[in-house]
Amino acid sequence: MWPFSSKPKEITKTTRQYETEYRDWAEKQMANGTSRQAVCNQLLKMNLGFPKLKGLSKSDQLTVLTDSVNRSEASSHVHRELYGVMGDRNLTGKELEKAGRIDEAIALYEANLTDCFEGTHPYERLRILYTKRKDYDNAIRVCRMAKEILKGSQELREAWDTEIKKLEERKSR
């Protein structure tokens, strides 16, 4: 008989099992139209905080803490995988640009816009590439998306507004 009122809790899942669960969840979210960046942000928020241990036996506390660590590691691993896809697109896009394969670079940067990537690189590169092609409609679209998605400082929003005005002036010439 245990010296406590109940048997100690058992660790329910390993890190790998939680990773599989979180990966499946992420894929479903993205299949339902949630952006990759939004899924990444949700994964970061998962399992925040410290588990409640008050009133638990030492054995149960250890189990709860181990499970919490497993969940946290799993969500962190899946986040890095998903975010890594977007980072890899940016790096590959840079290499494609250097090789003169601009259409392929644009496709990768556009994929990051579809995923609502929260970094300036694909927005800046697309603005520059579309402007060089005199495709001002797409350059303006990208700047507007950047302003909406990147929700940075007032200074950053004003910089995107300035770019939009410049592009609209060029377009009207």
C-alpha atoms as a PDB file:
ATOM      1  CA  MET A   1       0.000   0.000   0.000  1.00  0.00           C
ATOM      2  CA  TRP A   2       1.211   3.460  -0.922  1.00  0.00           C
ATOM      3  CA  PRO A   3       1.777   5.865   1.966  1.00  0.00           C
ATOM      4  CA  PHE A   4      -0.275   8.426   0.022  1.00  0.00           C
ATOM      5  CA  SER A   5      -3.955   8.432  -0.691  1.00  0.00           C
ATOM      6  CA  SER A   6      -3.509   7.282  -4.278  1.00  0.00           C
ATOM      7  CA  LYS A   7      -0.977   5.651  -6.561  1.00  0.00           C
ATOM      8  CA  PRO A   8       1.615   8.001  -8.000  1.00  0.00           C
ATOM      9  CA  LYS A   9       0.726   9.509 -11.343  1.00  0.00           C
ATOM     10  CA  GLU A  10       2.401   7.959 -14.322  1.00  0.00           C
ATOM     11  CA  ILE A  11       4.067   9.954 -17.040  1.00  0.00           C
ATOM     12  CA  THR A  12       1.462   9.957 -19.760  1.00  0.00           C
ATOM     13  CA  LYS A  13       3.581  10.663 -22.832  1.00  0.00           C
ATOM     14  CA  THR A  14       7.189  10.959 -23.884  1.00  0.00           C
ATOM     15  CA  THR A  15       8.593  14.003 -25.639  1.00  0.00           C
ATOM     16  CA  ARG A  16       8.469  12.113 -28.924  1.00  0.00           C
ATOM     17  CA  GLN A  17       4.788  11.241 -28.416  1.00  0.00           C
ATOM     18  CA  TYR A  18       3.962  14.864 -27.670  1.00  0.00           C
ATOM     19  CA  GLU A  19       5.951  15.929 -30.755  1.00  0.00           C
ATOM     20  CA  THR A  20       3.831  13.626 -32.918  1.00  0.00           C
ATOM     21  CA  GLU A  21       0.675  14.997 -31.318  1.00  0.00           C
ATOM     22  CA  TYR A  22       1.777  18.613 -31.803  1.00  0.00           C
ATOM     23  CA  ARG A  23       2.921  17.969 -35.391  1.00  0.00           C
ATOM     24  CA  ASP A  24      -0.470  16.432 -36.220  1.00  0.00           C
ATOM     25  CA  TRP A  25      -2.203  19.371 -34.567  1.00  0.00           C
ATOM     26  CA  ALA A  26      -0.042  21.862 -36.516  1.00  0.00           C
ATOM     27  CA  GLU A  27      -0.747  20.126 -39.825  1.00  0.00           C
ATOM     28  CA  LYS A  28      -4.495  20.226 -39.141  1.00  0.00           C
ATOM     29  CA  GLN A  29      -4.317  23.910 -38.221  1.00  0.00           C
ATOM     30  CA  MET A  30      -2.460  24.750 -41.435  1.00  0.00           C
ATOM     31  CA  ALA A  31      -4.803  22.570 -43.507  1.00  0.00           C
ATOM     32  CA  ASN A  32      -7.682  24.605 -42.048  1.00  0.00           C
ATOM     33  CA  GLY A  33      -6.074  27.848 -43.207  1.00  0.00           C
ATOM     34  CA  THR A  34      -4.093  28.937 -40.159  1.00  0.00           C
ATOM     35  CA  SER A  35      -0.787  30.445 -41.252  1.00  0.00           C
ATOM     36  CA  ARG A  36       2.464  28.678 -40.403  1.00  0.00           C
ATOM     37  CA  GLN A  37       3.552  31.733 -38.375  1.00  0.00           C
ATOM     38  CA  ALA A  38       0.306  31.709 -36.361  1.00  0.00           C
ATOM     39  CA  VAL A  39       0.798  28.013 -35.607  1.00  0.00           C
ATOM     40  CA  CYS A  40       4.386  28.759 -34.525  1.00  0.00           C
ATOM     41  CA  ASN A  41       3.136  31.515 -32.237  1.00  0.00           C
ATOM     42  CA  GLN A  42       0.536  29.196 -30.704  1.00  0.00           C
ATOM     43  CA  LEU A  43       3.164  26.518 -30.113  1.00  0.00           C
ATOM     44  CA  LEU A  44       5.286  29.035 -28.220  1.00  0.00           C
ATOM     45  CA  LYS A  45       2.355  29.852 -25.959  1.00  0.00           C
ATOM     46  CA  MET A  46       1.573  26.209 -25.221  1.00  0.00           C
ATOM     47  CA  ASN A  47       2.561  24.892 -21.836  1.00  0.00           C
ATOM     48  CA  LEU A  48       3.597  28.258 -20.496  1.00  0.00           C
ATOM     49  CA  GLY A  49       3.665  28.618 -16.777  1.00  0.00           C
ATOM     50  CA  PHE A  50       4.677  26.343 -14.004  1.00  0.00           C
ATOM     51  CA  PRO A  51       2.525  23.298 -13.209  1.00  0.00           C
ATOM     52  CA  LYS A  52       0.613  23.266  -9.938  1.00  0.00           C
ATOM     53  CA  LEU A  53       2.389  21.007  -7.472  1.00  0.00           C
ATOM     54  CA  LYS A  54       0.811  22.013  -4.182  1.00  0.00           C
ATOM     55  CA  GLY A  55      -0.693  19.062  -2.368  1.00  0.00           C
ATOM     56  CA  LEU A  56       1.026  16.451  -4.535  1.00  0.00           C
ATOM     57  CA  SER A  57       3.365  13.819  -3.202  1.00  0.00           C
ATOM     58  CA  LYS A  58       7.050  14.115  -4.130  1.00  0.00           C
ATOM     59  CA  SER A  59       6.586  11.272  -6.580  1.00  0.00           C
ATOM     60  CA  ASP A  60       3.594  12.961  -8.222  1.00  0.00           C
ATOM     61  CA  GLN A  61       5.442  16.276  -8.314  1.00  0.00           C
ATOM     62  CA  LEU A  62       8.290  14.621 -10.178  1.00  0.00           C
ATOM     63  CA  THR A  63       5.853  13.030 -12.607  1.00  0.00           C
ATOM     64  CA  VAL A  64       4.025  16.308 -13.246  1.00  0.00           C
ATOM     65  CA  LEU A  65       7.298  18.179 -13.737  1.00  0.00           C
ATOM     66  CA  THR A  66       8.643  15.509 -16.101  1.00  0.00           C
ATOM     67  CA  ASP A  67       5.433  15.620 -18.135  1.00  0.00           C
ATOM     68  CA  SER A  68       5.619  19.414 -18.255  1.00  0.00           C
ATOM     69  CA  VAL A  69       9.205  19.255 -19.513  1.00  0.00           C
ATOM     70  CA  ASN A  70       8.217  16.668 -22.143  1.00  0.00           C
ATOM     71  CA  ARG A  71       5.401  18.919 -23.394  1.00  0.00           C
ATOM     72  CA  SER A  72       7.623  21.979 -23.439  1.00  0.00           C
ATOM     73  CA  GLU A  73      10.445  20.230 -25.316  1.00  0.00           C
ATOM     74  CA  ALA A  74       7.989  18.800 -27.834  1.00  0.00           C
ATOM     75  CA  SER A  75       6.297  22.131 -28.590  1.00  0.00           C
ATOM     76  CA  SER A  76       9.724  23.765 -28.884  1.00  0.00           C
ATOM     77  CA  HIS A  77      10.949  21.087 -31.330  1.00  0.00           C
ATOM     78  CA  VAL A  78       7.866  21.362 -33.529  1.00  0.00           C
ATOM     79  CA  HIS A  79       8.071  25.173 -33.435  1.00  0.00           C
ATOM     80  CA  ARG A  80      11.692  25.042 -34.619  1.00  0.00           C
ATOM     81  CA  GLU A  81      10.742  22.669 -37.450  1.00  0.00           C
ATOM     82  CA  LEU A  82       7.899  24.867 -38.678  1.00  0.00           C
ATOM     83  CA  TYR A  83       9.820  28.102 -38.324  1.00  0.00           C
ATOM     84  CA  GLY A  84      12.843  26.471 -39.936  1.00  0.00           C
ATOM     85  CA  VAL A  85      10.842  25.917 -43.122  1.00  0.00           C
ATOM     86  CA  MET A  86      10.302  29.654 -43.424  1.00  0.00           C
ATOM     87  CA  GLY A  87      13.914  30.472 -42.580  1.00  0.00           C
ATOM     88  CA  ASP A  88      15.134  27.957 -45.146  1.00  0.00           C
ATOM     89  CA  ARG A  89      12.932  29.558 -47.790  1.00  0.00           C
ATOM     90  CA  ASN A  90      14.561  32.924 -47.129  1.00  0.00           C
ATOM     91  CA  LEU A  91      18.074  31.484 -47.310  1.00  0.00           C
ATOM     92  CA  THR A  92      17.304  29.514 -50.455  1.00  0.00           C
ATOM     93  CA  GLY A  93      15.656  32.595 -51.966  1.00  0.00           C
ATOM     94  CA  LYS A  94      18.859  34.586 -51.398  1.00  0.00           C
ATOM     95  CA  GLU A  95      20.896  31.883 -53.128  1.00  0.00           C
ATOM     96  CA  LEU A  96      18.458  31.711 -56.029  1.00  0.00           C
ATOM     97  CA  GLU A  97      18.669  35.478 -56.455  1.00  0.00           C
ATOM     98  CA  LYS A  98      22.457  35.278 -56.596  1.00  0.00           C
ATOM     99  CA  ALA A  99      22.131  32.577 -59.259  1.00  0.00           C
ATOM    100  CA  GLY A 100      19.773  34.772 -61.284  1.00  0.00           C
ATOM    101  CA  ARG A 101      16.771  32.503 -60.700  1.00  0.00           C
ATOM    102  CA  ILE A 102      14.511  35.343 -59.673  1.00  0.00           C
ATOM    103  CA  ASP A 103      11.136  33.691 -60.380  1.00  0.00           C
ATOM    104  CA  GLU A 104      12.029  30.791 -58.084  1.00  0.00           C
ATOM    105  CA  ALA A 105      13.192  33.182 -55.360  1.00  0.00           C
ATOM    106  CA  ILE A 106       9.958  35.140 -55.669  1.00  0.00           C
ATOM    107  CA  ALA A 107       7.943  31.923 -55.283  1.00  0.00           C
ATOM    108  CA  LEU A 108       9.748  31.104 -52.020  1.00  0.00           C
ATOM    109  CA  TYR A 109       9.349  34.609 -50.634  1.00  0.00           C
ATOM    110  CA  GLU A 110       5.658  34.603 -51.598  1.00  0.00           C
ATOM    111  CA  ALA A 111       5.238  31.299 -49.737  1.00  0.00           C
ATOM    112  CA  ASN A 112       6.542  33.056 -46.625  1.00  0.00           C
ATOM    113  CA  LEU A 113       4.032  35.840 -47.126  1.00  0.00           C
ATOM    114  CA  THR A 114       1.284  33.228 -47.374  1.00  0.00           C
ATOM    115  CA  ASP A 115       2.571  31.858 -44.060  1.00  0.00           C
ATOM    116  CA  CYS A 116       2.506  35.396 -42.569  1.00  0.00           C
ATOM    117  CA  PHE A 117       6.223  35.279 -41.756  1.00  0.00           C
ATOM    118  CA  GLU A 118       7.028  37.833 -39.063  1.00  0.00           C
ATOM    119  CA  GLY A 119      10.382  38.989 -40.367  1.00  0.00           C
ATOM    120  CA  THR A 120      11.172  41.741 -42.866  1.00  0.00           C
ATOM    121  CA  HIS A 121      13.359  39.761 -45.270  1.00  0.00           C
ATOM    122  CA  PRO A 122      10.785  38.322 -47.714  1.00  0.00           C
ATOM    123  CA  TYR A 123       8.801  41.586 -47.768  1.00  0.00           C
ATOM    124  CA  GLU A 124      11.887  43.681 -48.473  1.00  0.00           C
ATOM    125  CA  ARG A 125      13.173  41.306 -51.135  1.00  0.00           C
ATOM    126  CA  LEU A 126       9.812  41.072 -52.903  1.00  0.00           C
ATOM    127  CA  ARG A 127       9.381  44.848 -52.827  1.00  0.00           C
ATOM    128  CA  ILE A 128      12.808  45.260 -54.416  1.00  0.00           C
ATOM    129  CA  LEU A 129      12.352  42.475 -56.972  1.00  0.00           C
ATOM    130  CA  TYR A 130       8.884  43.608 -58.044  1.00  0.00           C
ATOM    131  CA  THR A 131      10.053  47.232 -58.241  1.00  0.00           C
ATOM    132  CA  LYS A 132      12.969  46.236 -60.487  1.00  0.00           C
ATOM    133  CA  ARG A 133      10.424  44.548 -62.759  1.00  0.00           C
ATOM    134  CA  LYS A 134       8.219  47.641 -62.616  1.00  0.00           C
ATOM    135  CA  ASP A 135       5.473  45.435 -61.178  1.00  0.00           C
ATOM    136  CA  TYR A 136       4.261  48.174 -58.891  1.00  0.00           C
ATOM    137  CA  ASP A 137       0.924  46.557 -58.056  1.00  0.00           C
ATOM    138  CA  ASN A 138       2.664  43.559 -56.498  1.00  0.00           C
ATOM    139  CA  ALA A 139       5.275  45.754 -54.803  1.00  0.00           C
ATOM    140  CA  ILE A 140       2.485  47.831 -53.216  1.00  0.00           C
ATOM    141  CA  ARG A 141       0.599  44.673 -52.205  1.00  0.00           C
ATOM    142  CA  VAL A 142       3.709  43.334 -50.467  1.00  0.00           C
ATOM    143  CA  CYS A 143       4.293  46.614 -48.615  1.00  0.00           C
ATOM    144  CA  ARG A 144       0.693  46.658 -47.405  1.00  0.00           C
ATOM    145  CA  MET A 145       1.005  43.068 -46.216  1.00  0.00           C
ATOM    146  CA  ALA A 146       4.242  43.910 -44.403  1.00  0.00           C
ATOM    147  CA  LYS A 147       2.604  46.837 -42.663  1.00  0.00           C
ATOM    148  CA  GLU A 148      -0.303  44.629 -41.578  1.00  0.00           C
ATOM    149  CA  ILE A 149       1.656  41.540 -40.527  1.00  0.00           C
ATOM    150  CA  LEU A 150       4.813  43.050 -39.068  1.00  0.00           C
ATOM    151  CA  LYS A 151       2.953  45.335 -36.636  1.00  0.00           C
ATOM    152  CA  GLY A 152       6.229  46.796 -35.481  1.00  0.00           C
ATOM    153  CA  SER A 153       7.043  50.242 -34.236  1.00  0.00           C
ATOM    154  CA  GLN A 154       5.361  53.390 -35.497  1.00  0.00           C
ATOM    155  CA  GLU A 155       8.623  54.164 -37.296  1.00  0.00           C
ATOM    156  CA  LEU A 156       8.464  50.858 -39.201  1.00  0.00           C
ATOM    157  CA  ARG A 157       4.823  51.402 -40.201  1.00  0.00           C
ATOM    158  CA  GLU A 158       5.691  54.894 -41.420  1.00  0.00           C
ATOM    159  CA  ALA A 159       8.588  53.487 -43.463  1.00  0.00           C
ATOM    160  CA  TRP A 160       6.208  51.051 -45.207  1.00  0.00           C
ATOM    161  CA  ASP A 161       3.767  53.940 -45.820  1.00  0.00           C
ATOM    162  CA  THR A 162       6.597  55.940 -47.384  1.00  0.00           C
ATOM    163  CA  GLU A 163       7.464  53.008 -49.660  1.00  0.00           C
ATOM    164  CA  ILE A 164       3.828  52.627 -50.684  1.00  0.00           C
ATOM    165  CA  LYS A 165       3.632  56.342 -51.593  1.00  0.00           C
ATOM    166  CA  LYS A 166       6.847  56.135 -53.633  1.00  0.00           C
ATOM    167  CA  LEU A 167       5.559  53.064 -55.478  1.00  0.00           C
ATOM    168  CA  GLU A 168       2.186  54.645 -56.168  1.00  0.00           C
ATOM    169  CA  GLU A 169       3.976  57.705 -57.605  1.00  0.00           C
ATOM    170  CA  ARG A 170       6.111  55.501 -59.855  1.00  0.00           C
ATOM    171  CA  LYS A 171       3.049  53.562 -60.948  1.00  0.00           C
ATOM    172  CA  SER A 172       1.187  56.741 -61.946  1.00  0.00           C
ATOM    173  CA  ARG A 173       4.028  57.953 -64.206  1.00  0.00           C
END
